[in-house]
Amino acid sequence: MIGIIKKKDIDQWADSTAPKALADVFEALIGAIFLDSGYCLETVWKIIEPLLRQYIDRSIQHRNLNPVRSFFEQGGKIIKESCDEKGEFTCMVELSNGTKFDGYGKNKKLAKYDACQKAINYY
């Protein structure tokens, strides 16, 4: 079963905020390996570590902080938040240098996340 997990399958989730269901599946996979190996953590690590090594290394070198947190830590601010008649939310943020970005989402939180992510990617 482990042989079917491919690097490209993990890559699609590496830089996103994974849903809780995905984390639960990953936890169950690790638990199954642990039980099937006779409670051997060394076996679990031998299987899981190669899948995660590049992401562990990258996260040590480049902290993958929430873009909203990173944005505010770098001196950004929210300029405007609004909701249109269709129920779509917009958030405008501004970097400390005056550059502005609009974010969009189906709720206020997602719009803010989108705007901050755009601002962080600008750097």
C-alpha atoms as a PDB file:
ATOM      1  CA  MET A   1       0.000   0.000   0.000  1.00  0.00           C
ATOM      2  CA  ILE A   2       2.792   2.451   0.825  1.00  0.00           C
ATOM      3  CA  GLY A   3       4.338   2.056  -2.621  1.00  0.00           C
ATOM      4  CA  ILE A   4       1.436   3.876  -4.281  1.00  0.00           C
ATOM      5  CA  ILE A   5       2.095   7.175  -2.486  1.00  0.00           C
ATOM      6  CA  LYS A   6       3.955   9.373  -4.923  1.00  0.00           C
ATOM      7  CA  LYS A   7       5.970  12.533  -4.312  1.00  0.00           C
ATOM      8  CA  LYS A   8       3.753  14.521  -6.691  1.00  0.00           C
ATOM      9  CA  ASP A   9       0.707  13.527  -4.640  1.00  0.00           C
ATOM     10  CA  ILE A  10       2.270  15.050  -1.521  1.00  0.00           C
ATOM     11  CA  ASP A  11       3.511  18.148  -3.378  1.00  0.00           C
ATOM     12  CA  GLN A  12      -0.022  19.306  -4.148  1.00  0.00           C
ATOM     13  CA  TRP A  13      -0.704  19.674  -0.412  1.00  0.00           C
ATOM     14  CA  ALA A  14       2.705  20.871   0.793  1.00  0.00           C
ATOM     15  CA  ASP A  15       2.164  24.613   0.544  1.00  0.00           C
ATOM     16  CA  SER A  16      -1.469  24.759   1.449  1.00  0.00           C
ATOM     17  CA  THR A  17      -3.420  24.588   4.615  1.00  0.00           C
ATOM     18  CA  ALA A  18      -4.531  20.994   4.557  1.00  0.00           C
ATOM     19  CA  PRO A  19      -8.044  20.171   5.677  1.00  0.00           C
ATOM     20  CA  LYS A  20      -8.473  18.343   8.969  1.00  0.00           C
ATOM     21  CA  ALA A  21      -9.726  15.252   7.116  1.00  0.00           C
ATOM     22  CA  LEU A  22      -6.373  14.957   5.330  1.00  0.00           C
ATOM     23  CA  ALA A  23      -4.518  15.241   8.640  1.00  0.00           C
ATOM     24  CA  ASP A  24      -6.776  12.531  10.067  1.00  0.00           C
ATOM     25  CA  VAL A  25      -6.036  10.232   7.121  1.00  0.00           C
ATOM     26  CA  PHE A  26      -2.308  10.813   7.505  1.00  0.00           C
ATOM     27  CA  GLU A  27      -2.530  10.098  11.237  1.00  0.00           C
ATOM     28  CA  ALA A  28      -4.448   6.885  10.537  1.00  0.00           C
ATOM     29  CA  LEU A  29      -1.802   5.814   7.998  1.00  0.00           C
ATOM     30  CA  ILE A  30       0.965   6.320  10.540  1.00  0.00           C
ATOM     31  CA  GLY A  31      -1.072   4.451  13.163  1.00  0.00           C
ATOM     32  CA  ALA A  32      -1.663   1.546  10.799  1.00  0.00           C
ATOM     33  CA  ILE A  33       2.040   1.294   9.982  1.00  0.00           C
ATOM     34  CA  PHE A  34       2.846   1.443  13.696  1.00  0.00           C
ATOM     35  CA  LEU A  35       0.404  -1.365  14.537  1.00  0.00           C
ATOM     36  CA  ASP A  36       1.339  -3.532  11.541  1.00  0.00           C
ATOM     37  CA  SER A  37       5.040  -3.207  12.378  1.00  0.00           C
ATOM     38  CA  GLY A  38       4.521  -4.523  15.888  1.00  0.00           C
ATOM     39  CA  TYR A  39       4.723  -1.079  17.536  1.00  0.00           C
ATOM     40  CA  CYS A  40       8.067  -0.260  15.950  1.00  0.00           C
ATOM     41  CA  LEU A  41       8.673   3.489  15.666  1.00  0.00           C
ATOM     42  CA  GLU A  42      11.840   2.837  13.676  1.00  0.00           C
ATOM     43  CA  THR A  43       9.790   1.163  10.935  1.00  0.00           C
ATOM     44  CA  VAL A  44       7.270   4.012  10.921  1.00  0.00           C
ATOM     45  CA  TRP A  45      10.068   6.558  10.572  1.00  0.00           C
ATOM     46  CA  LYS A  46      11.781   4.562   7.788  1.00  0.00           C
ATOM     47  CA  ILE A  47       8.554   4.727   5.766  1.00  0.00           C
ATOM     48  CA  ILE A  48       7.347   8.237   6.589  1.00  0.00           C
ATOM     49  CA  GLU A  49      10.662  10.132   6.742  1.00  0.00           C
ATOM     50  CA  PRO A  50      11.511   9.794   3.029  1.00  0.00           C
ATOM     51  CA  LEU A  51       8.057  11.143   2.160  1.00  0.00           C
ATOM     52  CA  LEU A  52       8.445  14.163   4.413  1.00  0.00           C
ATOM     53  CA  ARG A  53      12.201  14.872   4.427  1.00  0.00           C
ATOM     54  CA  GLN A  54      12.183  17.669   1.850  1.00  0.00           C
ATOM     55  CA  TYR A  55       9.262  19.384   3.608  1.00  0.00           C
ATOM     56  CA  ILE A  56      10.916  19.070   7.013  1.00  0.00           C
ATOM     57  CA  ASP A  57      14.134  20.574   5.635  1.00  0.00           C
ATOM     58  CA  ARG A  58      12.264  23.345   3.855  1.00  0.00           C
ATOM     59  CA  SER A  59      10.188  24.209   6.917  1.00  0.00           C
ATOM     60  CA  ILE A  60      13.361  24.553   8.984  1.00  0.00           C
ATOM     61  CA  GLN A  61      14.914  26.912   6.424  1.00  0.00           C
ATOM     62  CA  HIS A  62      11.718  28.782   5.506  1.00  0.00           C
ATOM     63  CA  ARG A  63       9.062  28.881   8.184  1.00  0.00           C
ATOM     64  CA  ASN A  64       5.688  28.381   6.603  1.00  0.00           C
ATOM     65  CA  LEU A  65       3.711  30.786   8.745  1.00  0.00           C
ATOM     66  CA  ASN A  66       0.118  31.634   8.221  1.00  0.00           C
ATOM     67  CA  PRO A  67       0.116  34.455   5.628  1.00  0.00           C
ATOM     68  CA  VAL A  68      -2.140  36.615   7.795  1.00  0.00           C
ATOM     69  CA  ARG A  69       0.325  36.377  10.677  1.00  0.00           C
ATOM     70  CA  SER A  70       3.319  36.999   8.401  1.00  0.00           C
ATOM     71  CA  PHE A  71       1.583  39.960   6.803  1.00  0.00           C
ATOM     72  CA  PHE A  72       0.934  41.696  10.131  1.00  0.00           C
ATOM     73  CA  GLU A  73       4.422  40.867  11.435  1.00  0.00           C
ATOM     74  CA  GLN A  74       5.812  42.711   8.409  1.00  0.00           C
ATOM     75  CA  GLY A  75       3.815  45.846   9.225  1.00  0.00           C
ATOM     76  CA  GLY A  76       0.851  45.345   6.913  1.00  0.00           C
ATOM     77  CA  LYS A  77      -2.625  46.587   7.694  1.00  0.00           C
ATOM     78  CA  ILE A  78      -6.197  46.006   6.613  1.00  0.00           C
ATOM     79  CA  ILE A  79      -7.634  48.916   4.682  1.00  0.00           C
ATOM     80  CA  LYS A  80     -11.167  47.740   3.965  1.00  0.00           C
ATOM     81  CA  GLU A  81     -13.405  44.687   4.317  1.00  0.00           C
ATOM     82  CA  SER A  82     -16.727  44.405   2.564  1.00  0.00           C
ATOM     83  CA  CYS A  83     -19.425  42.035   1.388  1.00  0.00           C
ATOM     84  CA  ASP A  84     -21.330  42.535  -1.851  1.00  0.00           C
ATOM     85  CA  GLU A  85     -24.973  41.796  -2.575  1.00  0.00           C
ATOM     86  CA  LYS A  86     -24.075  38.266  -3.738  1.00  0.00           C
ATOM     87  CA  GLY A  87     -22.490  37.472  -0.379  1.00  0.00           C
ATOM     88  CA  GLU A  88     -18.926  37.548  -1.703  1.00  0.00           C
ATOM     89  CA  PHE A  89     -16.347  39.096   0.591  1.00  0.00           C
ATOM     90  CA  THR A  90     -13.496  41.420  -0.339  1.00  0.00           C
ATOM     91  CA  CYS A  91     -10.563  42.464   1.806  1.00  0.00           C
ATOM     92  CA  MET A  92      -8.067  45.178   0.869  1.00  0.00           C
ATOM     93  CA  VAL A  93      -4.708  45.153   2.623  1.00  0.00           C
ATOM     94  CA  GLU A  94      -1.735  47.475   2.418  1.00  0.00           C
ATOM     95  CA  LEU A  95       1.961  46.741   2.842  1.00  0.00           C
ATOM     96  CA  SER A  96       4.151  49.140   4.800  1.00  0.00           C
ATOM     97  CA  ASN A  97       5.422  50.514   1.458  1.00  0.00           C
ATOM     98  CA  GLY A  98       1.871  51.481   0.412  1.00  0.00           C
ATOM     99  CA  THR A  99       1.271  48.645  -2.077  1.00  0.00           C
ATOM    100  CA  LYS A 100      -2.338  47.418  -1.877  1.00  0.00           C
ATOM    101  CA  PHE A 101      -3.831  44.000  -2.583  1.00  0.00           C
ATOM    102  CA  ASP A 102      -7.397  42.767  -2.842  1.00  0.00           C
ATOM    103  CA  GLY A 103      -8.436  39.352  -1.619  1.00  0.00           C
ATOM    104  CA  TYR A 104     -11.689  37.538  -2.282  1.00  0.00           C
ATOM    105  CA  GLY A 105     -13.536  34.727  -0.583  1.00  0.00           C
ATOM    106  CA  LYS A 106     -16.851  33.247   0.374  1.00  0.00           C
ATOM    107  CA  ASN A 107     -16.368  34.591   3.900  1.00  0.00           C
ATOM    108  CA  LYS A 108     -14.434  37.365   5.634  1.00  0.00           C
ATOM    109  CA  LYS A 109     -11.678  35.046   6.874  1.00  0.00           C
ATOM    110  CA  LEU A 110     -10.982  33.602   3.408  1.00  0.00           C
ATOM    111  CA  ALA A 111     -10.921  37.055   1.811  1.00  0.00           C
ATOM    112  CA  LYS A 112      -8.397  38.264   4.401  1.00  0.00           C
ATOM    113  CA  TYR A 113      -6.285  35.124   3.904  1.00  0.00           C
ATOM    114  CA  ASP A 114      -6.320  35.616   0.118  1.00  0.00           C
ATOM    115  CA  ALA A 115      -5.313  39.286   0.343  1.00  0.00           C
ATOM    116  CA  CYS A 116      -2.507  38.595   2.824  1.00  0.00           C
ATOM    117  CA  GLN A 117      -1.233  35.671   0.742  1.00  0.00           C
ATOM    118  CA  LYS A 118      -1.039  37.921  -2.319  1.00  0.00           C
ATOM    119  CA  ALA A 119       0.835  40.543  -0.320  1.00  0.00           C
ATOM    120  CA  ILE A 120       3.308  37.996   1.097  1.00  0.00           C
ATOM    121  CA  ASN A 121       3.913  36.553  -2.386  1.00  0.00           C
ATOM    122  CA  TYR A 122       4.759  40.077  -3.580  1.00  0.00           C
ATOM    123  CA  TYR A 123       7.879  40.124  -1.411  1.00  0.00           C
END
